[in-house]
């Protein structure tokens, strides 16, 4: 069973990843993820800062590749994280450590 903080982190990361995967406009994937983290409800300012620092460790190409490989995530399913790629799970874990 996924813990609540893990599920929230996974959902936030998932929203960011799915949004960037679906987006073919000018903003780069890194900027999209940063914008979503900055506007997310839930994380404290300290958690948000930590998450932004973690995201900065990824290039736009890496984030885009994670999004491309995980376009069909169903976050209504509590086991959704287990069905994602290892890279996505690592990304979520990086964000989860901030929660």
PDB file of N, CA and C in Angstrom:
ATOM      1  N   UNK A   1       0.842  -1.180   0.000  1.00  0.00           N
ATOM      2  CA  UNK A   1       0.000   0.000   0.000  1.00  0.00           C
ATOM      3  C   UNK A   1       0.886   1.241   0.000  1.00  0.00           C
ATOM      4  N   UNK A   2       0.572   2.205  -0.802  1.00  0.00           N
ATOM      5  CA  UNK A   2       1.349   3.432  -0.899  1.00  0.00           C
ATOM      6  C   UNK A   2       0.945   4.367   0.234  1.00  0.00           C
ATOM      7  N   UNK A   3       1.947   4.939   0.927  1.00  0.00           N
ATOM      8  CA  UNK A   3       1.650   5.895   1.991  1.00  0.00           C
ATOM      9  C   UNK A   3       1.057   7.163   1.398  1.00  0.00           C
ATOM     10  N   UNK A   4       0.298   7.905   2.218  1.00  0.00           N
ATOM     11  CA  UNK A   4      -0.374   9.111   1.746  1.00  0.00           C
ATOM     12  C   UNK A   4       0.609  10.117   1.185  1.00  0.00           C
ATOM     13  N   UNK A   5       1.743  10.354   1.866  1.00  0.00           N
ATOM     14  CA  UNK A   5       2.708  11.327   1.356  1.00  0.00           C
ATOM     15  C   UNK A   5       3.311  10.857   0.043  1.00  0.00           C
ATOM     16  N   UNK A   6       3.526   9.562  -0.092  1.00  0.00           N
ATOM     17  CA  UNK A   6       4.046   9.031  -1.349  1.00  0.00           C
ATOM     18  C   UNK A   6       3.023   9.195  -2.458  1.00  0.00           C
ATOM     19  N   UNK A   7       1.767   8.918  -2.144  1.00  0.00           N
ATOM     20  CA  UNK A   7       0.719   9.046  -3.143  1.00  0.00           C
ATOM     21  C   UNK A   7       0.564  10.496  -3.570  1.00  0.00           C
ATOM     22  N   UNK A   8       0.625  11.435  -2.604  1.00  0.00           N
ATOM     23  CA  UNK A   8       0.540  12.853  -2.952  1.00  0.00           C
ATOM     24  C   UNK A   8       1.715  13.268  -3.821  1.00  0.00           C
ATOM     25  N   UNK A   9       2.905  12.838  -3.458  1.00  0.00           N
ATOM     26  CA  UNK A   9       4.087  13.153  -4.262  1.00  0.00           C
ATOM     27  C   UNK A   9       3.973  12.541  -5.645  1.00  0.00           C
ATOM     28  N   UNK A  10       3.507  11.305  -5.695  1.00  0.00           N
ATOM     29  CA  UNK A  10       3.342  10.634  -6.982  1.00  0.00           C
ATOM     30  C   UNK A  10       2.306  11.362  -7.822  1.00  0.00           C
ATOM     31  N   UNK A  11       1.225  11.759  -7.199  1.00  0.00           N
ATOM     32  CA  UNK A  11       0.180  12.466  -7.933  1.00  0.00           C
ATOM     33  C   UNK A  11       0.696  13.798  -8.456  1.00  0.00           C
ATOM     34  N   UNK A  12       1.417  14.541  -7.620  1.00  0.00           N
ATOM     35  CA  UNK A  12       1.970  15.822  -8.056  1.00  0.00           C
ATOM     36  C   UNK A  12       2.953  15.609  -9.195  1.00  0.00           C
ATOM     37  N   UNK A  13       3.843  14.661  -9.022  1.00  0.00           N
ATOM     38  CA  UNK A  13       4.801  14.365 -10.087  1.00  0.00           C
ATOM     39  C   UNK A  13       4.071  13.890 -11.329  1.00  0.00           C
ATOM     40  N   UNK A  14       3.057  13.068 -11.120  1.00  0.00           N
ATOM     41  CA  UNK A  14       2.294  12.547 -12.253  1.00  0.00           C
ATOM     42  C   UNK A  14       1.578  13.631 -13.021  1.00  0.00           C
ATOM     43  N   UNK A  15       0.957  14.550 -12.303  1.00  0.00           N
ATOM     44  CA  UNK A  15       0.288  15.664 -12.968  1.00  0.00           C
ATOM     45  C   UNK A  15       1.303  16.452 -13.783  1.00  0.00           C
ATOM     46  N   UNK A  16       2.446  16.712 -13.181  1.00  0.00           N
ATOM     47  CA  UNK A  16       3.496  17.454 -13.886  1.00  0.00           C
ATOM     48  C   UNK A  16       3.963  16.704 -15.116  1.00  0.00           C
ATOM     49  N   UNK A  17       4.234  15.421 -14.958  1.00  0.00           N
ATOM     50  CA  UNK A  17       4.743  14.610 -16.064  1.00  0.00           C
ATOM     51  C   UNK A  17       3.707  14.475 -17.173  1.00  0.00           C
ATOM     52  N   UNK A  18       2.462  14.178 -16.808  1.00  0.00           N
ATOM     53  CA  UNK A  18       1.421  14.005 -17.817  1.00  0.00           C
ATOM     54  C   UNK A  18       1.164  15.328 -18.531  1.00  0.00           C
ATOM     55  N   UNK A  19       1.169  16.415 -17.782  1.00  0.00           N
ATOM     56  CA  UNK A  19       0.959  17.729 -18.395  1.00  0.00           C
ATOM     57  C   UNK A  19       2.063  18.040 -19.398  1.00  0.00           C
ATOM     58  N   UNK A  20       3.285  17.761 -19.028  1.00  0.00           N
ATOM     59  CA  UNK A  20       4.373  18.067 -19.950  1.00  0.00           C
ATOM     60  C   UNK A  20       4.382  17.104 -21.128  1.00  0.00           C
ATOM     61  N   UNK A  21       3.961  15.864 -20.916  1.00  0.00           N
ATOM     62  CA  UNK A  21       3.924  14.902 -22.013  1.00  0.00           C
ATOM     63  C   UNK A  21       2.863  15.295 -23.038  1.00  0.00           C
ATOM     64  N   UNK A  22       1.786  15.890 -22.561  1.00  0.00           N
ATOM     65  CA  UNK A  22       0.701  16.278 -23.446  1.00  0.00           C
ATOM     66  C   UNK A  22       0.945  17.628 -24.102  1.00  0.00           C
ATOM     67  N   UNK A  23       1.902  18.356 -23.598  1.00  0.00           N
ATOM     68  CA  UNK A  23       2.144  19.708 -24.064  1.00  0.00           C
ATOM     69  C   UNK A  23       3.163  19.713 -25.196  1.00  0.00           C
ATOM     70  N   UNK A  24       2.770  20.298 -26.309  1.00  0.00           N
ATOM     71  CA  UNK A  24       3.712  20.400 -27.418  1.00  0.00           C
ATOM     72  C   UNK A  24       4.011  21.861 -27.730  1.00  0.00           C
ATOM     73  N   UNK A  25       3.709  22.745 -26.789  1.00  0.00           N
ATOM     74  CA  UNK A  25       3.955  24.164 -27.002  1.00  0.00           C
ATOM     75  C   UNK A  25       5.367  24.536 -26.571  1.00  0.00           C
ATOM     76  N   UNK A  26       5.657  25.801 -26.547  1.00  0.00           N
ATOM     77  CA  UNK A  26       6.993  26.314 -26.322  1.00  0.00           C
ATOM     78  C   UNK A  26       7.602  26.045 -24.947  1.00  0.00           C
ATOM     79  N   UNK A  27       6.875  26.118 -23.833  1.00  0.00           N
ATOM     80  CA  UNK A  27       7.573  25.944 -22.550  1.00  0.00           C
ATOM     81  C   UNK A  27       8.299  24.604 -22.502  1.00  0.00           C
ATOM     82  N   UNK A  28       9.493  24.649 -21.949  1.00  0.00           N
ATOM     83  CA  UNK A  28      10.223  23.385 -21.845  1.00  0.00           C
ATOM     84  C   UNK A  28       9.683  22.562 -20.687  1.00  0.00           C
ATOM     85  N   UNK A  29       9.895  21.261 -20.708  1.00  0.00           N
ATOM     86  CA  UNK A  29       9.345  20.374 -19.677  1.00  0.00           C
ATOM     87  C   UNK A  29       9.755  20.773 -18.263  1.00  0.00           C
ATOM     88  N   UNK A  30      10.978  21.198 -18.088  1.00  0.00           N
ATOM     89  CA  UNK A  30      11.448  21.610 -16.764  1.00  0.00           C
ATOM     90  C   UNK A  30      10.605  22.766 -16.237  1.00  0.00           C
ATOM     91  N   UNK A  31      10.341  23.753 -17.077  1.00  0.00           N
ATOM     92  CA  UNK A  31       9.538  24.912 -16.672  1.00  0.00           C
ATOM     93  C   UNK A  31       8.119  24.526 -16.294  1.00  0.00           C
ATOM     94  N   UNK A  32       7.558  23.577 -17.019  1.00  0.00           N
ATOM     95  CA  UNK A  32       6.194  23.133 -16.721  1.00  0.00           C
ATOM     96  C   UNK A  32       6.137  22.477 -15.348  1.00  0.00           C
ATOM     97  N   UNK A  33       7.095  21.592 -15.062  1.00  0.00           N
ATOM     98  CA  UNK A  33       7.117  20.923 -13.761  1.00  0.00           C
ATOM     99  C   UNK A  33       7.309  21.948 -12.649  1.00  0.00           C
ATOM    100  N   UNK A  34       8.208  22.899 -12.841  1.00  0.00           N
ATOM    101  CA  UNK A  34       8.448  23.940 -11.838  1.00  0.00           C
ATOM    102  C   UNK A  34       7.171  24.739 -11.594  1.00  0.00           C
ATOM    103  N   UNK A  35       6.481  25.149 -12.663  1.00  0.00           N
ATOM    104  CA  UNK A  35       5.240  25.910 -12.513  1.00  0.00           C
ATOM    105  C   UNK A  35       4.191  25.125 -11.737  1.00  0.00           C
ATOM    106  N   UNK A  36       4.074  23.828 -12.025  1.00  0.00           N
ATOM    107  CA  UNK A  36       3.085  23.011 -11.326  1.00  0.00           C
ATOM    108  C   UNK A  36       3.430  22.852  -9.846  1.00  0.00           C
ATOM    109  N   UNK A  37       4.698  22.695  -9.532  1.00  0.00           N
ATOM    110  CA  UNK A  37       5.098  22.590  -8.125  1.00  0.00           C
ATOM    111  C   UNK A  37       4.836  23.907  -7.407  1.00  0.00           C
ATOM    112  N   UNK A  38       5.180  25.013  -8.048  1.00  0.00           N
ATOM    113  CA  UNK A  38       4.990  26.325  -7.421  1.00  0.00           C
ATOM    114  C   UNK A  38       3.526  26.640  -7.179  1.00  0.00           C
ATOM    115  N   UNK A  39       2.633  26.106  -7.995  1.00  0.00           N
ATOM    116  CA  UNK A  39       1.210  26.404  -7.845  1.00  0.00           C
ATOM    117  C   UNK A  39       0.430  25.312  -7.110  1.00  0.00           C
ATOM    118  N   UNK A  40       1.095  24.249  -6.699  1.00  0.00           N
ATOM    119  CA  UNK A  40       0.409  23.121  -6.060  1.00  0.00           C
ATOM    120  C   UNK A  40      -0.069  23.480  -4.661  1.00  0.00           C
ATOM    121  N   UNK A  41      -1.261  23.008  -4.333  1.00  0.00           N
ATOM    122  CA  UNK A  41      -1.768  23.106  -2.965  1.00  0.00           C
ATOM    123  C   UNK A  41      -1.194  21.946  -2.176  1.00  0.00           C
ATOM    124  N   UNK A  42      -0.877  22.167  -0.939  1.00  0.00           N
ATOM    125  CA  UNK A  42      -0.419  21.066  -0.086  1.00  0.00           C
ATOM    126  C   UNK A  42       0.984  21.223   0.437  1.00  0.00           C
ATOM    127  N   UNK A  43       1.986  21.309  -0.439  1.00  0.00           N
ATOM    128  CA  UNK A  43       3.343  21.408   0.097  1.00  0.00           C
ATOM    129  C   UNK A  43       3.554  22.718   0.861  1.00  0.00           C
ATOM    130  N   UNK A  44       4.306  22.621   1.941  1.00  0.00           N
ATOM    131  CA  UNK A  44       4.695  23.825   2.678  1.00  0.00           C
ATOM    132  C   UNK A  44       5.737  24.569   1.841  1.00  0.00           C
ATOM    133  N   UNK A  45       6.035  25.824   2.181  1.00  0.00           N
ATOM    134  CA  UNK A  45       7.084  26.533   1.438  1.00  0.00           C
ATOM    135  C   UNK A  45       8.427  25.782   1.458  1.00  0.00           C
ATOM    136  N   UNK A  46       8.756  25.175   2.582  1.00  0.00           N
ATOM    137  CA  UNK A  46      10.012  24.426   2.682  1.00  0.00           C
ATOM    138  C   UNK A  46       9.984  23.183   1.790  1.00  0.00           C
ATOM    139  N   UNK A  47       8.859  22.487   1.790  1.00  0.00           N
ATOM    140  CA  UNK A  47       8.718  21.306   0.946  1.00  0.00           C
ATOM    141  C   UNK A  47       8.785  21.694  -0.528  1.00  0.00           C
ATOM    142  N   UNK A  48       8.125  22.790  -0.867  1.00  0.00           N
ATOM    143  CA  UNK A  48       8.129  23.261  -2.253  1.00  0.00           C
ATOM    144  C   UNK A  48       9.557  23.604  -2.692  1.00  0.00           C
ATOM    145  N   UNK A  49      10.292  24.301  -1.846  1.00  0.00           N
ATOM    146  CA  UNK A  49      11.679  24.650  -2.160  1.00  0.00           C
ATOM    147  C   UNK A  49      12.505  23.398  -2.368  1.00  0.00           C
ATOM    148  N   UNK A  50      12.338  22.434  -1.505  1.00  0.00           N
ATOM    149  CA  UNK A  50      13.056  21.161  -1.635  1.00  0.00           C
ATOM    150  C   UNK A  50      12.715  20.478  -2.953  1.00  0.00           C
ATOM    151  N   UNK A  51      11.431  20.439  -3.292  1.00  0.00           N
ATOM    152  CA  UNK A  51      11.004  19.791  -4.528  1.00  0.00           C
ATOM    153  C   UNK A  51      11.595  20.504  -5.743  1.00  0.00           C
ATOM    154  N   UNK A  52      11.617  21.820  -5.704  1.00  0.00           N
ATOM    155  CA  UNK A  52      12.183  22.580  -6.809  1.00  0.00           C
ATOM    156  C   UNK A  52      13.679  22.299  -6.956  1.00  0.00           C
ATOM    157  N   UNK A  53      14.364  22.158  -5.825  1.00  0.00           N
ATOM    158  CA  UNK A  53      15.789  21.818  -5.872  1.00  0.00           C
ATOM    159  C   UNK A  53      15.989  20.436  -6.488  1.00  0.00           C
ATOM    160  N   UNK A  54      15.120  19.499  -6.145  1.00  0.00           N
ATOM    161  CA  UNK A  54      15.216  18.146  -6.706  1.00  0.00           C
ATOM    162  C   UNK A  54      14.980  18.164  -8.218  1.00  0.00           C
ATOM    163  N   UNK A  55      13.962  18.912  -8.637  1.00  0.00           N
ATOM    164  CA  UNK A  55      13.646  18.990 -10.060  1.00  0.00           C
ATOM    165  C   UNK A  55      14.806  19.617 -10.830  1.00  0.00           C
ATOM    166  N   UNK A  56      15.493  20.565 -10.213  1.00  0.00           N
ATOM    167  CA  UNK A  56      16.631  21.205 -10.885  1.00  0.00           C
ATOM    168  C   UNK A  56      17.766  20.225 -11.187  1.00  0.00           C
ATOM    169  N   UNK A  57      17.745  19.071 -10.548  1.00  0.00           N
ATOM    170  CA  UNK A  57      18.773  18.059 -10.801  1.00  0.00           C
ATOM    171  C   UNK A  57      18.515  17.296 -12.105  1.00  0.00           C
ATOM    172  N   UNK A  58      17.334  17.504 -12.701  1.00  0.00           N
ATOM    173  CA  UNK A  58      16.955  16.835 -13.948  1.00  0.00           C
ATOM    174  C   UNK A  58      17.006  17.829 -15.104  1.00  0.00           C
ATOM    175  N   UNK A  59      17.461  17.367 -16.248  1.00  0.00           N
ATOM    176  CA  UNK A  59      17.422  18.201 -17.449  1.00  0.00           C
ATOM    177  C   UNK A  59      16.015  18.145 -18.042  1.00  0.00           C
ATOM    178  N   UNK A  60      15.711  19.100 -18.905  1.00  0.00           N
ATOM    179  CA  UNK A  60      14.425  19.072 -19.608  1.00  0.00           C
ATOM    180  C   UNK A  60      14.291  17.803 -20.440  1.00  0.00           C
ATOM    181  N   UNK A  61      15.394  17.365 -21.031  1.00  0.00           N
ATOM    182  CA  UNK A  61      15.349  16.130 -21.824  1.00  0.00           C
ATOM    183  C   UNK A  61      15.003  14.926 -20.965  1.00  0.00           C
ATOM    184  N   UNK A  62      15.573  14.853 -19.763  1.00  0.00           N
ATOM    185  CA  UNK A  62      15.263  13.736 -18.864  1.00  0.00           C
ATOM    186  C   UNK A  62      13.793  13.772 -18.450  1.00  0.00           C
ATOM    187  N   UNK A  63      13.295  14.946 -18.099  1.00  0.00           N
ATOM    188  CA  UNK A  63      11.898  15.073 -17.681  1.00  0.00           C
ATOM    189  C   UNK A  63      10.967  14.732 -18.844  1.00  0.00           C
ATOM    190  N   UNK A  64      11.318  15.197 -20.025  1.00  0.00           N
ATOM    191  CA  UNK A  64      10.500  14.888 -21.204  1.00  0.00           C
ATOM    192  C   UNK A  64      10.471  13.381 -21.478  1.00  0.00           C
ATOM    193  N   UNK A  65      11.611  12.721 -21.345  1.00  0.00           N
ATOM    194  CA  UNK A  65      11.671  11.271 -21.564  1.00  0.00           C
ATOM    195  C   UNK A  65      10.825  10.524 -20.539  1.00  0.00           C
ATOM    196  N   UNK A  66      10.846  10.971 -19.288  1.00  0.00           N
ATOM    197  CA  UNK A  66      10.012  10.355 -18.249  1.00  0.00           C
ATOM    198  C   UNK A  66       8.541  10.522 -18.613  1.00  0.00           C
ATOM    199  N   UNK A  67       8.164  11.717 -19.053  1.00  0.00           N
ATOM    200  CA  UNK A  67       6.778  11.968 -19.445  1.00  0.00           C
ATOM    201  C   UNK A  67       6.347  11.123 -20.621  1.00  0.00           C
ATOM    202  N   UNK A  68       7.214  11.032 -21.627  1.00  0.00           N
ATOM    203  CA  UNK A  68       6.879  10.245 -22.817  1.00  0.00           C
ATOM    204  C   UNK A  68       6.666   8.767 -22.490  1.00  0.00           C
ATOM    205  N   UNK A  69       7.397   8.270 -21.502  1.00  0.00           N
ATOM    206  CA  UNK A  69       7.310   6.849 -21.152  1.00  0.00           C
ATOM    207  C   UNK A  69       6.171   6.538 -20.183  1.00  0.00           C
ATOM    208  N   UNK A  70       5.491   7.562 -19.686  1.00  0.00           N
ATOM    209  CA  UNK A  70       4.459   7.352 -18.651  1.00  0.00           C
ATOM    210  C   UNK A  70       3.211   8.177 -18.936  1.00  0.00           C
ATOM    211  N   UNK A  71       2.703   8.099 -20.131  1.00  0.00           N
ATOM    212  CA  UNK A  71       1.563   8.933 -20.523  1.00  0.00           C
ATOM    213  C   UNK A  71       0.218   8.441 -20.012  1.00  0.00           C
ATOM    214  N   UNK A  72       0.095   7.189 -19.642  1.00  0.00           N
ATOM    215  CA  UNK A  72      -1.213   6.621 -19.303  1.00  0.00           C
ATOM    216  C   UNK A  72      -1.335   6.245 -17.834  1.00  0.00           C
ATOM    217  N   UNK A  73      -0.844   7.087 -16.953  1.00  0.00           N
ATOM    218  CA  UNK A  73      -0.906   6.800 -15.523  1.00  0.00           C
ATOM    219  C   UNK A  73      -2.319   7.077 -15.011  1.00  0.00           C
ATOM    220  N   UNK A  74      -2.874   6.135 -14.261  1.00  0.00           N
ATOM    221  CA  UNK A  74      -4.206   6.273 -13.669  1.00  0.00           C
ATOM    222  C   UNK A  74      -4.050   6.502 -12.174  1.00  0.00           C
ATOM    223  N   UNK A  75      -4.056   7.765 -11.755  1.00  0.00           N
ATOM    224  CA  UNK A  75      -3.837   8.065 -10.339  1.00  0.00           C
ATOM    225  C   UNK A  75      -5.060   7.823  -9.472  1.00  0.00           C
ATOM    226  N   UNK A  76      -6.142   7.340 -10.069  1.00  0.00           N
ATOM    227  CA  UNK A  76      -7.273   6.878  -9.267  1.00  0.00           C
ATOM    228  C   UNK A  76      -6.983   5.492  -8.712  1.00  0.00           C
ATOM    229  N   UNK A  77      -5.998   4.834  -9.293  1.00  0.00           N
ATOM    230  CA  UNK A  77      -5.579   3.498  -8.860  1.00  0.00           C
ATOM    231  C   UNK A  77      -4.458   3.639  -7.837  1.00  0.00           C
ATOM    232  N   UNK A  78      -4.644   3.139  -6.605  1.00  0.00           N
ATOM    233  CA  UNK A  78      -3.607   3.271  -5.586  1.00  0.00           C
ATOM    234  C   UNK A  78      -2.301   2.557  -5.935  1.00  0.00           C
ATOM    235  N   UNK A  79      -2.349   1.659  -6.898  1.00  0.00           N
ATOM    236  CA  UNK A  79      -1.144   0.948  -7.323  1.00  0.00           C
ATOM    237  C   UNK A  79      -0.530   1.548  -8.588  1.00  0.00           C
ATOM    238  N   UNK A  80      -0.950   2.748  -8.946  1.00  0.00           N
ATOM    239  CA  UNK A  80      -0.493   3.370 -10.186  1.00  0.00           C
ATOM    240  C   UNK A  80       1.029   3.514 -10.252  1.00  0.00           C
ATOM    241  N   UNK A  81       1.631   3.882  -9.154  1.00  0.00           N
ATOM    242  CA  UNK A  81       3.075   4.098  -9.147  1.00  0.00           C
ATOM    243  C   UNK A  81       3.833   2.836  -9.537  1.00  0.00           C
ATOM    244  N   UNK A  82       3.344   1.692  -9.115  1.00  0.00           N
ATOM    245  CA  UNK A  82       4.014   0.425  -9.422  1.00  0.00           C
ATOM    246  C   UNK A  82       3.992   0.109 -10.914  1.00  0.00           C
ATOM    247  N   UNK A  83       3.062   0.708 -11.643  1.00  0.00           N
ATOM    248  CA  UNK A  83       2.944   0.438 -13.078  1.00  0.00           C
ATOM    249  C   UNK A  83       3.758   1.406 -13.932  1.00  0.00           C
ATOM    250  N   UNK A  84       4.483   2.310 -13.296  1.00  0.00           N
ATOM    251  CA  UNK A  84       5.282   3.293 -14.038  1.00  0.00           C
ATOM    252  C   UNK A  84       6.702   2.786 -14.246  1.00  0.00           C
ATOM    253  N   UNK A  85       7.457   3.505 -15.051  1.00  0.00           N
ATOM    254  CA  UNK A  85       8.853   3.135 -15.288  1.00  0.00           C
ATOM    255  C   UNK A  85       9.694   3.405 -14.043  1.00  0.00           C
ATOM    256  N   UNK A  86      10.838   2.781 -13.985  1.00  0.00           N
ATOM    257  CA  UNK A  86      11.747   3.000 -12.858  1.00  0.00           C
ATOM    258  C   UNK A  86      12.181   4.462 -12.788  1.00  0.00           C
ATOM    259  N   UNK A  87      12.360   5.097 -13.923  1.00  0.00           N
ATOM    260  CA  UNK A  87      12.757   6.510 -13.941  1.00  0.00           C
ATOM    261  C   UNK A  87      11.678   7.386 -13.319  1.00  0.00           C
ATOM    262  N   UNK A  88      10.420   7.073 -13.615  1.00  0.00           N
ATOM    263  CA  UNK A  88       9.325   7.827 -13.005  1.00  0.00           C
ATOM    264  C   UNK A  88       9.311   7.596 -11.495  1.00  0.00           C
ATOM    265  N   UNK A  89       9.466   6.340 -11.090  1.00  0.00           N
ATOM    266  CA  UNK A  89       9.472   6.026  -9.665  1.00  0.00           C
ATOM    267  C   UNK A  89      10.617   6.738  -8.950  1.00  0.00           C
ATOM    268  N   UNK A  90      11.773   6.814  -9.587  1.00  0.00           N
ATOM    269  CA  UNK A  90      12.911   7.534  -9.002  1.00  0.00           C
ATOM    270  C   UNK A  90      12.608   9.025  -8.886  1.00  0.00           C
ATOM    271  N   UNK A  91      11.961   9.582  -9.903  1.00  0.00           N
ATOM    272  CA  UNK A  91      11.576  10.991  -9.881  1.00  0.00           C
ATOM    273  C   UNK A  91      10.617  11.260  -8.724  1.00  0.00           C
ATOM    274  N   UNK A  92       9.623  10.397  -8.581  1.00  0.00           N
ATOM    275  CA  UNK A  92       8.662  10.533  -7.486  1.00  0.00           C
ATOM    276  C   UNK A  92       9.356  10.415  -6.135  1.00  0.00           C
ATOM    277  N   UNK A  93      10.262   9.460  -6.020  1.00  0.00           N
ATOM    278  CA  UNK A  93      10.996   9.283  -4.760  1.00  0.00           C
ATOM    279  C   UNK A  93      11.808  10.524  -4.425  1.00  0.00           C
ATOM    280  N   UNK A  94      12.426  11.126  -5.441  1.00  0.00           N
ATOM    281  CA  UNK A  94      13.165  12.360  -5.203  1.00  0.00           C
ATOM    282  C   UNK A  94      12.241  13.435  -4.630  1.00  0.00           C
ATOM    283  N   UNK A  95      11.053  13.569  -5.189  1.00  0.00           N
ATOM    284  CA  UNK A  95      10.099  14.565  -4.678  1.00  0.00           C
ATOM    285  C   UNK A  95       9.552  14.158  -3.306  1.00  0.00           C
ATOM    286  N   UNK A  96       9.305  12.867  -3.130  1.00  0.00           N
ATOM    287  CA  UNK A  96       8.741  12.378  -1.867  1.00  0.00           C
ATOM    288  C   UNK A  96       9.658  12.653  -0.678  1.00  0.00           C
ATOM    289  N   UNK A  97      10.958  12.642  -0.908  1.00  0.00           N
ATOM    290  CA  UNK A  97      11.878  12.894   0.202  1.00  0.00           C
ATOM    291  C   UNK A  97      11.698  14.293   0.777  1.00  0.00           C
ATOM    292  N   UNK A  98      11.059  15.151   0.025  1.00  0.00           N
ATOM    293  CA  UNK A  98      10.807  16.533   0.493  1.00  0.00           C
ATOM    294  C   UNK A  98       9.571  16.613   1.377  1.00  0.00           C
ATOM    295  N   UNK A  99       8.736  15.607   1.323  1.00  0.00           N
ATOM    296  CA  UNK A  99       7.481  15.642   2.082  1.00  0.00           C
ATOM    297  C   UNK A  99       7.743  15.122   3.453  1.00  0.00           C
TER     298      UNK A  99
END
